[in-house]
Structure formats: structure tokens, C-alpha cells
PDB file of N, CA and C in Angstrom:
ATOM      1  N   MET A   1      96.080  88.024 131.363  1.00  0.00           N
ATOM      2  CA  MET A   1      97.244  88.103 130.500  1.00  0.00           C
ATOM      3  C   MET A   1      97.056  87.248 129.253  1.00  0.00           C
ATOM      4  N   LYS A   2      96.452  86.075 129.433  1.00  0.00           N
ATOM      5  CA  LYS A   2      96.227  85.177 128.309  1.00  0.00           C
ATOM      6  C   LYS A   2      95.244  85.800 127.320  1.00  0.00           C
ATOM      7  N   ARG A   3      94.237  86.480 127.838  1.00  0.00           N
ATOM      8  CA  ARG A   3      93.246  87.131 126.986  1.00  0.00           C
ATOM      9  C   ARG A   3      93.905  88.238 126.157  1.00  0.00           C
ATOM     10  N   LEU A   4      94.834  88.982 126.757  1.00  0.00           N
ATOM     11  CA  LEU A   4      95.543  90.041 126.055  1.00  0.00           C
ATOM     12  C   LEU A   4      96.384  89.464 124.919  1.00  0.00           C
ATOM     13  N   GLN A   5      97.068  88.351 125.169  1.00  0.00           N
ATOM     14  CA  GLN A   5      97.856  87.709 124.126  1.00  0.00           C
ATOM     15  C   GLN A   5      96.957  87.243 122.974  1.00  0.00           C
ATOM     16  N   GLN A   6      95.789  86.744 123.299  1.00  0.00           N
ATOM     17  CA  GLN A   6      94.853  86.287 122.274  1.00  0.00           C
ATOM     18  C   GLN A   6      94.365  87.461 121.431  1.00  0.00           C
ATOM     19  N   VAL A   7      94.050  88.582 122.078  1.00  0.00           N
ATOM     20  CA  VAL A   7      93.579  89.768 121.356  1.00  0.00           C
ATOM     21  C   VAL A   7      94.687  90.313 120.456  1.00  0.00           C
ATOM     22  N   VAL A   8      95.916  90.363 120.967  1.00  0.00           N
ATOM     23  CA  VAL A   8      97.041  90.878 120.188  1.00  0.00           C
ATOM     24  C   VAL A   8      97.334  89.963 119.001  1.00  0.00           C
ATOM     25  N   SER A   9      97.211  88.655 119.183  1.00  0.00           N
ATOM     26  CA  SER A   9      97.496  87.737 118.076  1.00  0.00           C
ATOM     27  C   SER A   9      96.430  87.824 116.985  1.00  0.00           C
ATOM     28  N   GLN A  10      95.207  88.221 117.329  1.00  0.00           N
ATOM     29  CA  GLN A  10      94.129  88.339 116.343  1.00  0.00           C
ATOM     30  C   GLN A  10      94.028  89.742 115.744  1.00  0.00           C
ATOM     31  N   LEU A  11      94.829  90.677 116.225  1.00  0.00           N
ATOM     32  CA  LEU A  11      94.742  92.058 115.773  1.00  0.00           C
ATOM     33  C   LEU A  11      94.999  92.230 114.272  1.00  0.00           C
ATOM     34  N   PRO A  12      96.064  91.655 113.693  1.00  0.00           N
ATOM     35  CA  PRO A  12      96.269  91.841 112.249  1.00  0.00           C
ATOM     36  C   PRO A  12      95.086  91.333 111.425  1.00  0.00           C
ATOM     37  N   ARG A  13      94.535  90.191 111.794  1.00  0.00           N
ATOM     38  CA  ARG A  13      93.394  89.621 111.077  1.00  0.00           C
ATOM     39  C   ARG A  13      92.178  90.532 111.210  1.00  0.00           C
ATOM     40  N   SER A  14      91.972  91.090 112.404  1.00  0.00           N
ATOM     41  CA  SER A  14      90.831  91.975 112.631  1.00  0.00           C
ATOM     42  C   SER A  14      90.979  93.275 111.851  1.00  0.00           C
ATOM     43  N   LEU A  15      92.193  93.832 111.826  1.00  0.00           N
ATOM     44  CA  LEU A  15      92.428  95.067 111.078  1.00  0.00           C
ATOM     45  C   LEU A  15      92.235  94.842 109.584  1.00  0.00           C
ATOM     46  N   THR A  16      92.715  93.720 109.083  1.00  0.00           N
ATOM     47  CA  THR A  16      92.529  93.412 107.664  1.00  0.00           C
ATOM     48  C   THR A  16      91.057  93.249 107.344  1.00  0.00           C
ATOM     49  N   LYS A  17      90.331  92.579 108.199  1.00  0.00           N
ATOM     50  CA  LYS A  17      88.898  92.388 107.981  1.00  0.00           C
ATOM     51  C   LYS A  17      88.165  93.721 108.005  1.00  0.00           C
ATOM     52  N   ALA A  18      88.570  94.632 108.890  1.00  0.00           N
ATOM     53  CA  ALA A  18      87.926  95.936 108.981  1.00  0.00           C
ATOM     54  C   ALA A  18      88.242  96.796 107.768  1.00  0.00           C
ATOM     55  N   ALA A  19      89.465  96.712 107.249  1.00  0.00           N
ATOM     56  CA  ALA A  19      89.870  97.551 106.124  1.00  0.00           C
ATOM     57  C   ALA A  19      89.364  97.019 104.789  1.00  0.00           C
ATOM     58  N   VAL A  20      89.422  95.715 104.599  1.00  0.00           N
ATOM     59  CA  VAL A  20      89.112  95.125 103.306  1.00  0.00           C
ATOM     60  C   VAL A  20      87.732  94.466 103.295  1.00  0.00           C
ATOM     61  N   GLY A  21      87.318  93.972 104.408  1.00  0.00           N
ATOM     62  CA  GLY A  21      86.047  93.267 104.467  1.00  0.00           C
ATOM     63  C   GLY A  21      86.272  91.769 104.544  1.00  0.00           C
ATOM     64  N   GLU A  22      85.191  91.056 104.588  1.00  0.00           N
ATOM     65  CA  GLU A  22      85.256  89.601 104.667  1.00  0.00           C
ATOM     66  C   GLU A  22      85.774  89.037 103.340  1.00  0.00           C
ATOM     67  N   PRO A  23      86.592  87.998 103.388  1.00  0.00           N
ATOM     68  CA  PRO A  23      87.013  87.379 102.137  1.00  0.00           C
ATOM     69  C   PRO A  23      85.830  86.658 101.489  1.00  0.00           C
ATOM     70  N   PRO A  24      85.795  86.629 100.164  1.00  0.00           N
ATOM     71  CA  PRO A  24      84.690  85.960  99.507  1.00  0.00           C
ATOM     72  C   PRO A  24      84.749  84.457  99.749  1.00  0.00           C
ATOM     73  N   PRO A  25      83.626  83.813  99.787  1.00  0.00           N
ATOM     74  CA  PRO A  25      83.640  82.365  99.994  1.00  0.00           C
ATOM     75  C   PRO A  25      84.264  81.671  98.783  1.00  0.00           C
ATOM     76  N   ASN A  26      84.921  80.569  99.029  1.00  0.00           N
ATOM     77  CA  ASN A  26      85.571  79.816  97.963  1.00  0.00           C
ATOM     78  C   ASN A  26      84.587  78.782  97.416  1.00  0.00           C
ATOM     79  N   ARG A  27      83.448  79.276  96.967  1.00  0.00           N
ATOM     80  CA  ARG A  27      82.402  78.366  96.495  1.00  0.00           C
ATOM     81  C   ARG A  27      82.081  78.581  95.022  1.00  0.00           C
ATOM     82  N   LEU A  28      83.008  79.131  94.285  1.00  0.00           N
ATOM     83  CA  LEU A  28      82.790  79.301  92.853  1.00  0.00           C
ATOM     84  C   LEU A  28      82.901  77.941  92.171  1.00  0.00           C
ATOM     85  N   PRO A  29      82.170  77.759  91.100  1.00  0.00           N
ATOM     86  CA  PRO A  29      82.296  76.488  90.370  1.00  0.00           C
ATOM     87  C   PRO A  29      83.712  76.296  89.833  1.00  0.00           C
ATOM     88  N   LEU A  30      84.108  75.059  89.711  1.00  0.00           N
ATOM     89  CA  LEU A  30      85.458  74.728  89.272  1.00  0.00           C
ATOM     90  C   LEU A  30      85.742  75.320  87.905  1.00  0.00           C
ATOM     91  N   ARG A  31      84.785  75.269  86.993  1.00  0.00           N
ATOM     92  CA  ARG A  31      84.969  75.811  85.645  1.00  0.00           C
ATOM     93  C   ARG A  31      85.290  77.296  85.711  1.00  0.00           C
ATOM     94  N   LEU A  32      84.565  78.027  86.553  1.00  0.00           N
ATOM     95  CA  LEU A  32      84.776  79.462  86.683  1.00  0.00           C
ATOM     96  C   LEU A  32      86.125  79.763  87.335  1.00  0.00           C
ATOM     97  N   ARG A  33      86.504  78.986  88.349  1.00  0.00           N
ATOM     98  CA  ARG A  33      87.807  79.171  88.989  1.00  0.00           C
ATOM     99  C   ARG A  33      88.942  78.937  88.004  1.00  0.00           C
ATOM    100  N   ASN A  34      88.807  77.908  87.157  1.00  0.00           N
ATOM    101  CA  ASN A  34      89.838  77.632  86.155  1.00  0.00           C
ATOM    102  C   ASN A  34      89.920  78.755  85.128  1.00  0.00           C
ATOM    103  N   GLU A  35      88.765  79.271  84.712  1.00  0.00           N
ATOM    104  CA  GLU A  35      88.730  80.369  83.752  1.00  0.00           C
ATOM    105  C   GLU A  35      89.388  81.628  84.331  1.00  0.00           C
ATOM    106  N   LEU A  36      89.072  81.934  85.581  1.00  0.00           N
ATOM    107  CA  LEU A  36      89.672  83.101  86.229  1.00  0.00           C
ATOM    108  C   LEU A  36      91.177  82.942  86.376  1.00  0.00           C
ATOM    109  N   ALA A  37      91.625  81.751  86.708  1.00  0.00           N
ATOM    110  CA  ALA A  37      93.060  81.507  86.846  1.00  0.00           C
ATOM    111  C   ALA A  37      93.763  81.680  85.507  1.00  0.00           C
ATOM    112  N   GLN A  38      93.137  81.212  84.429  1.00  0.00           N
ATOM    113  CA  GLN A  38      93.722  81.352  83.103  1.00  0.00           C
ATOM    114  C   GLN A  38      93.786  82.826  82.695  1.00  0.00           C
ATOM    115  N   GLU A  39      92.725  83.577  82.948  1.00  0.00           N
ATOM    116  CA  GLU A  39      92.720  85.004  82.623  1.00  0.00           C
ATOM    117  C   GLU A  39      93.778  85.751  83.431  1.00  0.00           C
ATOM    118  N   GLN A  40      93.927  85.389  84.698  1.00  0.00           N
ATOM    119  CA  GLN A  40      94.932  86.036  85.535  1.00  0.00           C
ATOM    120  C   GLN A  40      96.330  85.741  85.011  1.00  0.00           C
ATOM    121  N   GLN A  41      96.574  84.518  84.586  1.00  0.00           N
ATOM    122  CA  GLN A  41      97.882  84.160  84.053  1.00  0.00           C
ATOM    123  C   GLN A  41      98.168  84.942  82.773  1.00  0.00           C
ATOM    124  N   GLN A  42      97.179  85.070  81.899  1.00  0.00           N
ATOM    125  CA  GLN A  42      97.364  85.835  80.668  1.00  0.00           C
ATOM    126  C   GLN A  42      97.612  87.313  80.977  1.00  0.00           C
ATOM    127  N   ALA A  43      96.893  87.848  81.952  1.00  0.00           N
ATOM    128  CA  ALA A  43      97.078  89.257  82.325  1.00  0.00           C
ATOM    129  C   ALA A  43      98.478  89.481  82.895  1.00  0.00           C
ATOM    130  N   GLU A  44      98.968  88.553  83.689  1.00  0.00           N
ATOM    131  CA  GLU A  44     100.306  88.694  84.262  1.00  0.00           C
ATOM    132  C   GLU A  44     101.369  88.623  83.175  1.00  0.00           C
ATOM    133  N   LEU A  45     101.175  87.774  82.177  1.00  0.00           N
ATOM    134  CA  LEU A  45     102.110  87.718  81.061  1.00  0.00           C
ATOM    135  C   LEU A  45     102.118  89.030  80.289  1.00  0.00           C
ATOM    136  N   LEU A  46     100.946  89.580  80.040  1.00  0.00           N
ATOM    137  CA  LEU A  46     100.852  90.849  79.335  1.00  0.00           C
ATOM    138  C   LEU A  46     101.535  91.968  80.122  1.00  0.00           C
ATOM    139  N   ILE A  47     101.290  92.002  81.411  1.00  0.00           N
ATOM    140  CA  ILE A  47     101.920  93.017  82.263  1.00  0.00           C
ATOM    141  C   ILE A  47     103.438  92.861  82.234  1.00  0.00           C
ATOM    142  N   GLY A  48     103.925  91.642  82.262  1.00  0.00           N
ATOM    143  CA  GLY A  48     105.365  91.402  82.204  1.00  0.00           C
ATOM    144  C   GLY A  48     105.973  91.910  80.905  1.00  0.00           C
ATOM    145  N   TRP A  49     105.302  91.665  79.778  1.00  0.00           N
ATOM    146  CA  TRP A  49     105.799  92.153  78.490  1.00  0.00           C
ATOM    147  C   TRP A  49     105.792  93.679  78.446  1.00  0.00           C
ATOM    148  N   VAL A  50     104.741  94.289  78.971  1.00  0.00           N
ATOM    149  CA  VAL A  50     104.665  95.754  78.973  1.00  0.00           C
ATOM    150  C   VAL A  50     105.775  96.335  79.847  1.00  0.00           C
ATOM    151  N   GLN A  51     105.993  95.758  81.013  1.00  0.00           N
ATOM    152  CA  GLN A  51     107.066  96.235  81.885  1.00  0.00           C
ATOM    153  C   GLN A  51     108.427  96.070  81.227  1.00  0.00           C
ATOM    154  N   GLY A  52     108.635  94.953  80.552  1.00  0.00           N
ATOM    155  CA  GLY A  52     109.895  94.745  79.839  1.00  0.00           C
ATOM    156  C   GLY A  52     110.092  95.772  78.737  1.00  0.00           C
ATOM    157  N   ALA A  53     109.024  96.084  78.014  1.00  0.00           N
ATOM    158  CA  ALA A  53     109.108  97.085  76.949  1.00  0.00           C
ATOM    159  C   ALA A  53     109.440  98.462  77.526  1.00  0.00           C
ATOM    160  N   VAL A  54     108.853  98.791  78.657  1.00  0.00           N
ATOM    161  CA  VAL A  54     109.140 100.082  79.294  1.00  0.00           C
ATOM    162  C   VAL A  54     110.610 100.142  79.727  1.00  0.00           C
ATOM    163  N   VAL A  55     111.098  99.080  80.310  1.00  0.00           N
ATOM    164  CA  VAL A  55     112.505  99.056  80.744  1.00  0.00           C
ATOM    165  C   VAL A  55     113.432  99.184  79.545  1.00  0.00           C
ATOM    166  N   LEU A  56     113.155  98.462  78.478  1.00  0.00           N
ATOM    167  CA  LEU A  56     114.000  98.544  77.284  1.00  0.00           C
ATOM    168  C   LEU A  56     113.954  99.936  76.660  1.00  0.00           C
ATOM    169  N   THR A  57     112.778 100.552  76.648  1.00  0.00           N
ATOM    170  CA  THR A  57     112.652 101.904  76.111  1.00  0.00           C
ATOM    171  C   THR A  57     113.479 102.888  76.912  1.00  0.00           C
ATOM    172  N   TRP A  58     113.367 102.838  78.242  1.00  0.00           N
ATOM    173  CA  TRP A  58     114.148 103.749  79.079  1.00  0.00           C
ATOM    174  C   TRP A  58     115.639 103.490  78.928  1.00  0.00           C
ATOM    175  N   ASN A  59     116.041 102.221  78.798  1.00  0.00           N
ATOM    176  CA  ASN A  59     117.468 101.922  78.599  1.00  0.00           C
ATOM    177  C   ASN A  59     117.962 102.480  77.275  1.00  0.00           C
ATOM    178  N   ALA A  60     117.162 102.358  76.233  1.00  0.00           N
ATOM    179  CA  ALA A  60     117.556 102.895  74.927  1.00  0.00           C
ATOM    180  C   ALA A  60     117.662 104.416  74.988  1.00  0.00           C
ATOM    181  N   LEU A  61     116.697 105.066  75.622  1.00  0.00           N
ATOM    182  CA  LEU A  61     116.752 106.521  75.747  1.00  0.00           C
ATOM    183  C   LEU A  61     117.971 106.967  76.552  1.00  0.00           C
ATOM    184  N   TYR A  62     118.286 106.235  77.601  1.00  0.00           N
ATOM    185  CA  TYR A  62     119.456 106.567  78.414  1.00  0.00           C
ATOM    186  C   TYR A  62     120.737 106.383  77.609  1.00  0.00           C
ATOM    187  N   ALA A  63     120.808 105.304  76.831  1.00  0.00           N
ATOM    188  CA  ALA A  63     122.015 105.030  76.041  1.00  0.00           C
ATOM    189  C   ALA A  63     122.203 106.083  74.956  1.00  0.00           C
ATOM    190  N   LEU A  64     121.123 106.620  74.422  1.00  0.00           N
ATOM    191  CA  LEU A  64     121.210 107.595  73.346  1.00  0.00           C
ATOM    192  C   LEU A  64     121.323 109.036  73.842  1.00  0.00           C
ATOM    193  N   SER A  65     121.129 109.263  75.117  1.00  0.00           N
ATOM    194  CA  SER A  65     121.149 110.635  75.638  1.00  0.00           C
ATOM    195  C   SER A  65     122.567 111.170  75.702  1.00  0.00           C
ATOM    196  N   LEU A  66     122.672 112.489  75.714  1.00  0.00           N
ATOM    197  CA  LEU A  66     123.973 113.142  75.800  1.00  0.00           C
ATOM    198  C   LEU A  66     124.507 113.060  77.217  1.00  0.00           C
ATOM    199  N   ARG A  67     125.815 112.965  77.322  1.00  0.00           N
ATOM    200  CA  ARG A  67     126.448 112.922  78.637  1.00  0.00           C
ATOM    201  C   ARG A  67     126.629 114.341  79.152  1.00  0.00           C
ATOM    202  N   THR A  68     126.536 114.528  80.445  1.00  0.00           N
ATOM    203  CA  THR A  68     126.659 115.856  81.031  1.00  0.00           C
ATOM    204  C   THR A  68     128.073 116.162  81.488  1.00  0.00           C
ATOM    205  N   LEU A  69     128.883 115.153  81.752  1.00  0.00           N
ATOM    206  CA  LEU A  69     130.260 115.377  82.206  1.00  0.00           C
ATOM    207  C   LEU A  69     131.216 115.294  81.017  1.00  0.00           C
ATOM    208  N   SER A  70     132.360 115.870  81.210  1.00  0.00           N
ATOM    209  CA  SER A  70     133.385 115.768  80.172  1.00  0.00           C
ATOM    210  C   SER A  70     133.886 114.324  80.107  1.00  0.00           C
ATOM    211  N   PRO A  71     134.490 113.953  78.991  1.00  0.00           N
ATOM    212  CA  PRO A  71     134.965 112.566  78.864  1.00  0.00           C
ATOM    213  C   PRO A  71     135.969 112.164  79.936  1.00  0.00           C
ATOM    214  N   SER A  72     136.718 113.141  80.461  1.00  0.00           N
ATOM    215  CA  SER A  72     137.684 112.790  81.507  1.00  0.00           C
ATOM    216  C   SER A  72     136.991 112.473  82.823  1.00  0.00           C
ATOM    217  N   GLY A  73     135.770 112.931  82.975  1.00  0.00           N
ATOM    218  CA  GLY A  73     135.005 112.619  84.168  1.00  0.00           C
ATOM    219  C   GLY A  73     135.391 113.411  85.384  1.00  0.00           C
ATOM    220  N   LEU A  74     136.197 114.431  85.221  1.00  0.00           N
ATOM    221  CA  LEU A  74     136.624 115.245  86.357  1.00  0.00           C
ATOM    222  C   LEU A  74     135.540 116.257  86.696  1.00  0.00           C
ATOM    223  N   PHE A  75     135.403 116.524  87.960  1.00  0.00           N
ATOM    224  CA  PHE A  75     134.435 117.511  88.415  1.00  0.00           C
ATOM    225  C   PHE A  75     135.020 118.898  88.223  1.00  0.00           C
ATOM    226  N   GLN A  76     134.265 119.771  87.591  1.00  0.00           N
ATOM    227  CA  GLN A  76     134.725 121.143  87.372  1.00  0.00           C
ATOM    228  C   GLN A  76     133.711 122.097  87.984  1.00  0.00           C
ATOM    229  N   PRO A  77     134.062 122.760  89.088  1.00  0.00           N
ATOM    230  CA  PRO A  77     133.113 123.653  89.734  1.00  0.00           C
ATOM    231  C   PRO A  77     132.828 124.898  88.880  1.00  0.00           C
ATOM    232  N   VAL A  78     131.658 125.452  89.045  1.00  0.00           N
ATOM    233  CA  VAL A  78     131.271 126.670  88.345  1.00  0.00           C
ATOM    234  C   VAL A  78     131.769 127.848  89.151  1.00  0.00           C
ATOM    235  N   SER A  79     132.450 128.800  88.485  1.00  0.00           N
ATOM    236  CA  SER A  79     132.972 129.947  89.226  1.00  0.00           C
ATOM    237  C   SER A  79     132.167 131.194  88.937  1.00  0.00           C
TER     238      SER A  79
END
């Protein structure tokens, strides 16, 4: 029973290792790690600005679009 619990507790780690592979060793030089962290931060900022621009564009298009219902907002079935 104890062996089964051990196997079940290691299952997520084993599945991740099988799907993605072994994680890379954390033996990169400090200079390179700092450079990669800086590039990642800049990329995340750029992605955030692009996402914000997309949201603002869609909001502007929605605000400028024509309404489909009458101003009274009552539902009128098609006969």
C-alpha cells in the first residue's frame, strides 16, 4: 500500500517529465541568466502593451458599432 501511495504521488512529476522532458540544468552563467531575465521582462512589457492596444481597439469598435435593438430595448418577434 505504501508503494502505491509513493507511485501515485510521483505520477504528476513522471507525466510532466515524459511529456516535456528533463528540465535544463540551472548552470548558466550569472551574466547570461540576468540577460535572459531582462529580455523576458521586456518581452512581457511589450506583450502587455499589445494586449492593451487590442482591448482598446475592440472597445472602440464596439462603441462605434450600430445597435441592433430599438432604443426602447423591447423584444419584437419576427412574424
